[in-house]
Amino acid sequence: MFNNEILQEFIFDCRMRKLSERTVKGYNNNNLALFRFIFNEYGIEELEETNHTGLPVFSIAVLKLQ
């Protein structure tokens, strides 16, 4: 399943749980940033190809931006 499809399902679930639009927007933006990073750095577009190795690199990249 492609990451953008997973994100759409996650956002739908958040709305069904009646989370605030501000929260949903924050979740959407954060996940989009992660998926964009994974695609740009590793060329991964599907969840099945994703593993834990890219997450520490992403966390360090985010901290450097702050």
Protein backbone atom coordinates (compact mmCIF):
# COMPACT_ATOMS: atom_id res chain seq x y z
CA MET A 1 0.00 0.00 0.00
CA PHE A 2 1.38 3.40 -0.93
CA ASN A 3 2.26 5.83 1.85
CA ASN A 4 -0.19 8.47 0.58
CA GLU A 5 -3.05 5.94 0.76
CA ILE A 6 -2.07 5.04 4.30
CA LEU A 7 -1.99 8.70 5.25
CA GLN A 8 -5.47 9.26 3.79
CA GLU A 9 -6.81 6.32 5.81
CA PHE A 10 -5.10 7.59 8.96
CA ILE A 11 -6.56 11.08 8.52
CA PHE A 12 -10.00 9.57 7.90
CA ASP A 13 -9.65 7.58 11.13
CA CYS A 14 -8.64 10.73 13.03
CA ARG A 15 -11.72 12.53 11.76
CA MET A 16 -13.94 9.59 12.69
CA ARG A 17 -12.54 9.79 16.22
CA LYS A 18 -13.57 13.48 16.14
CA LEU A 19 -10.09 14.87 16.73
CA SER A 20 -9.85 18.62 16.23
CA GLU A 21 -9.02 19.88 12.76
CA ARG A 22 -5.87 21.48 14.18
CA THR A 23 -4.71 18.10 15.48
CA VAL A 24 -5.57 16.37 12.21
CA LYS A 25 -3.70 19.05 10.25
CA GLY A 26 -0.66 18.61 12.50
CA TYR A 27 -0.71 14.84 12.07
CA ASN A 28 -1.09 15.24 8.32
CA ASN A 29 1.82 17.69 8.04
CA ASN A 30 4.12 15.61 10.25
CA ASN A 31 3.40 12.39 8.38
CA LEU A 32 3.76 14.10 5.01
CA ALA A 33 7.18 15.37 6.07
CA LEU A 34 8.21 11.87 7.13
CA PHE A 35 6.94 10.25 3.91
CA ARG A 36 8.62 12.94 1.79
CA PHE A 37 11.90 12.39 3.63
CA ILE A 38 11.70 8.61 3.23
CA PHE A 39 10.97 8.99 -0.47
CA ASN A 40 13.72 11.56 -1.08
CA GLU A 41 16.38 9.72 0.91
CA TYR A 42 15.52 6.10 0.15
CA GLY A 43 13.10 6.19 -2.80
CA ILE A 44 10.50 4.30 -0.76
CA GLU A 45 6.86 4.80 -1.72
CA GLU A 46 5.21 1.80 -0.06
CA LEU A 47 4.78 0.96 3.60
CA GLU A 48 6.00 -2.58 3.07
CA GLU A 49 9.41 -1.27 1.99
CA THR A 50 9.77 0.94 5.06
CA ASN A 51 11.76 -0.17 8.09
CA HIS A 52 13.07 1.39 11.27
CA THR A 53 16.49 2.42 9.93
CA GLY A 54 15.32 5.69 8.38
CA LEU A 55 13.57 6.99 11.49
CA PRO A 56 16.65 8.01 13.50
CA VAL A 57 18.03 9.78 10.44
CA PHE A 58 14.72 11.62 10.03
CA SER A 59 14.69 12.58 13.71
CA ILE A 60 18.20 14.02 13.46
CA ALA A 61 17.27 15.94 10.30
CA VAL A 62 14.24 17.46 12.05
CA LEU A 63 16.31 18.45 15.08
CA LYS A 64 18.86 20.18 12.85
CA LEU A 65 16.06 22.29 11.35
CA GLN A 66 15.00 23.60 14.77
